[in-house]
Amino acid sequence: MTLAQARKRYPMVPSEIVKWAVENIADVSDLERGLSRLEAAKRVQIKYSAA
């Protein structure tokens, strides 16, 4: 996965974290799992901070 693909797929994850993950996690499934969990955590944070 390229940096551009990851930024487009996980827009809520901060850029520096996406960049680090793409550069340092070789296994694509591990990369996707980690970024998707961060994306989900950000969504939960936003959902409950607005309440």
PDB file of N, CA and C in Angstrom:
ATOM      1  N   MET A   1       0.855  -1.165   0.000  1.00  0.00           N
ATOM      2  CA  MET A   1       0.000   0.000   0.000  1.00  0.00           C
ATOM      3  C   MET A   1       0.904   1.232   0.000  1.00  0.00           C
ATOM      4  N   THR A   2       0.567   2.180  -0.838  1.00  0.00           N
ATOM      5  CA  THR A   2       1.359   3.408  -0.894  1.00  0.00           C
ATOM      6  C   THR A   2       0.837   4.410   0.139  1.00  0.00           C
ATOM      7  N   LEU A   3       1.627   5.423   0.369  1.00  0.00           N
ATOM      8  CA  LEU A   3       1.233   6.471   1.318  1.00  0.00           C
ATOM      9  C   LEU A   3      -0.054   7.156   0.858  1.00  0.00           C
ATOM     10  N   ALA A   4      -0.163   7.446  -0.426  1.00  0.00           N
ATOM     11  CA  ALA A   4      -1.368   8.106  -0.954  1.00  0.00           C
ATOM     12  C   ALA A   4      -2.607   7.233  -0.770  1.00  0.00           C
ATOM     13  N   GLN A   5      -2.475   5.937  -1.021  1.00  0.00           N
ATOM     14  CA  GLN A   5      -3.598   5.021  -0.844  1.00  0.00           C
ATOM     15  C   GLN A   5      -4.022   4.967   0.620  1.00  0.00           C
ATOM     16  N   ALA A   6      -3.053   4.906   1.512  1.00  0.00           N
ATOM     17  CA  ALA A   6      -3.357   4.838   2.937  1.00  0.00           C
ATOM     18  C   ALA A   6      -4.022   6.123   3.419  1.00  0.00           C
ATOM     19  N   ARG A   7      -3.559   7.265   2.979  1.00  0.00           N
ATOM     20  CA  ARG A   7      -4.164   8.545   3.388  1.00  0.00           C
ATOM     21  C   ARG A   7      -5.601   8.636   2.910  1.00  0.00           C
ATOM     22  N   LYS A   8      -5.849   8.147   1.685  1.00  0.00           N
ATOM     23  CA  LYS A   8      -7.204   8.199   1.140  1.00  0.00           C
ATOM     24  C   LYS A   8      -8.128   7.222   1.883  1.00  0.00           C
ATOM     25  N   ARG A   9      -7.624   6.052   2.231  1.00  0.00           N
ATOM     26  CA  ARG A   9      -8.437   5.014   2.867  1.00  0.00           C
ATOM     27  C   ARG A   9      -8.679   5.286   4.352  1.00  0.00           C
ATOM     28  N   TYR A  10      -7.719   5.945   5.015  1.00  0.00           N
ATOM     29  CA  TYR A  10      -7.822   6.218   6.454  1.00  0.00           C
ATOM     30  C   TYR A  10      -7.646   7.718   6.706  1.00  0.00           C
ATOM     31  N   PRO A  11      -8.629   8.522   6.324  1.00  0.00           N
ATOM     32  CA  PRO A  11      -8.470   9.984   6.399  1.00  0.00           C
ATOM     33  C   PRO A  11      -8.432  10.549   7.820  1.00  0.00           C
ATOM     34  N   MET A  12      -8.943   9.825   8.806  1.00  0.00           N
ATOM     35  CA  MET A  12      -8.980  10.356  10.169  1.00  0.00           C
ATOM     36  C   MET A  12      -7.702  10.088  10.953  1.00  0.00           C
ATOM     37  N   VAL A  13      -6.861   9.192  10.437  1.00  0.00           N
ATOM     38  CA  VAL A  13      -5.596   8.885  11.101  1.00  0.00           C
ATOM     39  C   VAL A  13      -4.602  10.006  10.755  1.00  0.00           C
ATOM     40  N   PRO A  14      -3.912  10.556  11.738  1.00  0.00           N
ATOM     41  CA  PRO A  14      -2.964  11.636  11.473  1.00  0.00           C
ATOM     42  C   PRO A  14      -1.895  11.241  10.432  1.00  0.00           C
ATOM     43  N   SER A  15      -1.533  12.204   9.608  1.00  0.00           N
ATOM     44  CA  SER A  15      -0.596  11.969   8.498  1.00  0.00           C
ATOM     45  C   SER A  15       0.721  11.363   8.941  1.00  0.00           C
ATOM     46  N   GLU A  16       1.275  11.851  10.054  1.00  0.00           N
ATOM     47  CA  GLU A  16       2.578  11.344  10.484  1.00  0.00           C
ATOM     48  C   GLU A  16       2.505   9.885  10.921  1.00  0.00           C
ATOM     49  N   ILE A  17       1.364   9.473  11.462  1.00  0.00           N
ATOM     50  CA  ILE A  17       1.196   8.072  11.853  1.00  0.00           C
ATOM     51  C   ILE A  17       1.050   7.190  10.616  1.00  0.00           C
ATOM     52  N   VAL A  18       0.278   7.638   9.638  1.00  0.00           N
ATOM     53  CA  VAL A  18       0.128   6.878   8.394  1.00  0.00           C
ATOM     54  C   VAL A  18       1.474   6.741   7.703  1.00  0.00           C
ATOM     55  N   LYS A  19       2.223   7.825   7.644  1.00  0.00           N
ATOM     56  CA  LYS A  19       3.537   7.800   6.995  1.00  0.00           C
ATOM     57  C   LYS A  19       4.466   6.805   7.694  1.00  0.00           C
ATOM     58  N   TRP A  20       4.511   6.867   9.020  1.00  0.00           N
ATOM     59  CA  TRP A  20       5.372   5.945   9.768  1.00  0.00           C
ATOM     60  C   TRP A  20       4.945   4.502   9.532  1.00  0.00           C
ATOM     61  N   ALA A  21       3.642   4.245   9.586  1.00  0.00           N
ATOM     62  CA  ALA A  21       3.139   2.884   9.430  1.00  0.00           C
ATOM     63  C   ALA A  21       3.471   2.319   8.046  1.00  0.00           C
ATOM     64  N   VAL A  22       3.269   3.112   7.011  1.00  0.00           N
ATOM     65  CA  VAL A  22       3.561   2.650   5.652  1.00  0.00           C
ATOM     66  C   VAL A  22       5.050   2.348   5.491  1.00  0.00           C
ATOM     67  N   GLU A  23       5.888   3.166   6.093  1.00  0.00           N
ATOM     68  CA  GLU A  23       7.341   2.969   5.974  1.00  0.00           C
ATOM     69  C   GLU A  23       7.857   1.809   6.819  1.00  0.00           C
ATOM     70  N   ASN A  24       7.197   1.484   7.930  1.00  0.00           N
ATOM     71  CA  ASN A  24       7.766   0.535   8.881  1.00  0.00           C
ATOM     72  C   ASN A  24       7.035  -0.794   9.040  1.00  0.00           C
ATOM     73  N   ILE A  25       5.842  -0.918   8.511  1.00  0.00           N
ATOM     74  CA  ILE A  25       5.107  -2.178   8.631  1.00  0.00           C
ATOM     75  C   ILE A  25       5.067  -2.834   7.257  1.00  0.00           C
ATOM     76  N   ALA A  26       5.827  -3.907   7.111  1.00  0.00           N
ATOM     77  CA  ALA A  26       5.978  -4.553   5.810  1.00  0.00           C
ATOM     78  C   ALA A  26       4.758  -5.392   5.417  1.00  0.00           C
ATOM     79  N   ASP A  27       4.139  -6.042   6.375  1.00  0.00           N
ATOM     80  CA  ASP A  27       3.001  -6.915   6.084  1.00  0.00           C
ATOM     81  C   ASP A  27       1.749  -6.057   5.866  1.00  0.00           C
ATOM     82  N   VAL A  28       1.180  -6.142   4.673  1.00  0.00           N
ATOM     83  CA  VAL A  28       0.038  -5.303   4.321  1.00  0.00           C
ATOM     84  C   VAL A  28      -1.171  -5.584   5.213  1.00  0.00           C
ATOM     85  N   SER A  29      -1.386  -6.831   5.576  1.00  0.00           N
ATOM     86  CA  SER A  29      -2.543  -7.129   6.428  1.00  0.00           C
ATOM     87  C   SER A  29      -2.365  -6.519   7.820  1.00  0.00           C
ATOM     88  N   ASP A  30      -1.143  -6.537   8.352  1.00  0.00           N
ATOM     89  CA  ASP A  30      -0.878  -5.892   9.643  1.00  0.00           C
ATOM     90  C   ASP A  30      -1.062  -4.384   9.539  1.00  0.00           C
ATOM     91  N   LEU A  31      -0.595  -3.819   8.441  1.00  0.00           N
ATOM     92  CA  LEU A  31      -0.734  -2.380   8.199  1.00  0.00           C
ATOM     93  C   LEU A  31      -2.208  -1.989   8.155  1.00  0.00           C
ATOM     94  N   GLU A  32      -2.989  -2.716   7.379  1.00  0.00           N
ATOM     95  CA  GLU A  32      -4.417  -2.422   7.263  1.00  0.00           C
ATOM     96  C   GLU A  32      -5.137  -2.597   8.594  1.00  0.00           C
ATOM     97  N   ARG A  33      -4.797  -3.648   9.331  1.00  0.00           N
ATOM     98  CA  ARG A  33      -5.443  -3.895  10.624  1.00  0.00           C
ATOM     99  C   ARG A  33      -5.145  -2.750  11.598  1.00  0.00           C
ATOM    100  N   GLY A  34      -3.902  -2.336  11.670  1.00  0.00           N
ATOM    101  CA  GLY A  34      -3.526  -1.261  12.583  1.00  0.00           C
ATOM    102  C   GLY A  34      -4.165   0.064  12.226  1.00  0.00           C
ATOM    103  N   LEU A  35      -4.121   0.411  10.954  1.00  0.00           N
ATOM    104  CA  LEU A  35      -4.702   1.687  10.536  1.00  0.00           C
ATOM    105  C   LEU A  35      -6.222   1.681  10.666  1.00  0.00           C
ATOM    106  N   SER A  36      -6.848   0.545  10.404  1.00  0.00           N
ATOM    107  CA  SER A  36      -8.306   0.496  10.541  1.00  0.00           C
ATOM    108  C   SER A  36      -8.714   0.618  12.009  1.00  0.00           C
ATOM    109  N   ARG A  37      -7.928   0.057  12.912  1.00  0.00           N
ATOM    110  CA  ARG A  37      -8.228   0.203  14.346  1.00  0.00           C
ATOM    111  C   ARG A  37      -8.053   1.648  14.796  1.00  0.00           C
ATOM    112  N   LEU A  38      -7.033   2.307  14.290  1.00  0.00           N
ATOM    113  CA  LEU A  38      -6.850   3.728  14.623  1.00  0.00           C
ATOM    114  C   LEU A  38      -7.996   4.563  14.073  1.00  0.00           C
ATOM    115  N   GLU A  39      -8.423   4.258  12.861  1.00  0.00           N
ATOM    116  CA  GLU A  39      -9.546   4.965  12.245  1.00  0.00           C
ATOM    117  C   GLU A  39     -10.813   4.774  13.089  1.00  0.00           C
ATOM    118  N   ALA A  40     -11.063   3.542  13.507  1.00  0.00           N
ATOM    119  CA  ALA A  40     -12.247   3.254  14.317  1.00  0.00           C
ATOM    120  C   ALA A  40     -12.180   3.970  15.661  1.00  0.00           C
ATOM    121  N   ALA A  41     -11.008   3.996  16.272  1.00  0.00           N
ATOM    122  CA  ALA A  41     -10.843   4.677  17.553  1.00  0.00           C
ATOM    123  C   ALA A  41     -11.105   6.175  17.410  1.00  0.00           C
ATOM    124  N   LYS A  42     -10.647   6.745  16.322  1.00  0.00           N
ATOM    125  CA  LYS A  42     -10.871   8.178  16.086  1.00  0.00           C
ATOM    126  C   LYS A  42     -12.360   8.466  15.908  1.00  0.00           C
ATOM    127  N   ARG A  43     -13.055   7.573  15.196  1.00  0.00           N
ATOM    128  CA  ARG A  43     -14.499   7.751  15.009  1.00  0.00           C
ATOM    129  C   ARG A  43     -15.244   7.682  16.342  1.00  0.00           C
ATOM    130  N   VAL A  44     -14.876   6.743  17.198  1.00  0.00           N
ATOM    131  CA  VAL A  44     -15.500   6.621  18.518  1.00  0.00           C
ATOM    132  C   VAL A  44     -15.213   7.861  19.350  1.00  0.00           C
ATOM    133  N   GLN A  45     -13.965   8.324  19.299  1.00  0.00           N
ATOM    134  CA  GLN A  45     -13.583   9.519  20.057  1.00  0.00           C
ATOM    135  C   GLN A  45     -14.429  10.715  19.632  1.00  0.00           C
ATOM    136  N   ILE A  46     -14.590  10.896  18.348  1.00  0.00           N
ATOM    137  CA  ILE A  46     -15.372  12.029  17.852  1.00  0.00           C
ATOM    138  C   ILE A  46     -16.848  11.872  18.217  1.00  0.00           C
ATOM    139  N   LYS A  47     -17.353  10.656  18.081  1.00  0.00           N
ATOM    140  CA  LYS A  47     -18.758  10.392  18.392  1.00  0.00           C
ATOM    141  C   LYS A  47     -19.095  10.737  19.830  1.00  0.00           C
ATOM    142  N   TYR A  48     -18.251  10.327  20.763  1.00  0.00           N
ATOM    143  CA  TYR A  48     -18.562  10.531  22.175  1.00  0.00           C
ATOM    144  C   TYR A  48     -18.077  11.863  22.721  1.00  0.00           C
ATOM    145  N   SER A  49     -17.208  12.532  22.029  1.00  0.00           N
ATOM    146  CA  SER A  49     -16.791  13.853  22.499  1.00  0.00           C
ATOM    147  C   SER A  49     -17.848  14.907  22.160  1.00  0.00           C
ATOM    148  N   ALA A  50     -18.658  14.638  21.144  1.00  0.00           N
ATOM    149  CA  ALA A  50     -19.696  15.572  20.749  1.00  0.00           C
ATOM    150  C   ALA A  50     -20.938  15.460  21.639  1.00  0.00           C
ATOM    151  N   ALA A  51     -21.054  14.374  22.348  1.00  0.00           N
ATOM    152  CA  ALA A  51     -22.257  14.147  23.161  1.00  0.00           C
ATOM    153  C   ALA A  51     -22.222  14.891  24.474  1.00  0.00           C
TER     154      ALA A  51
END
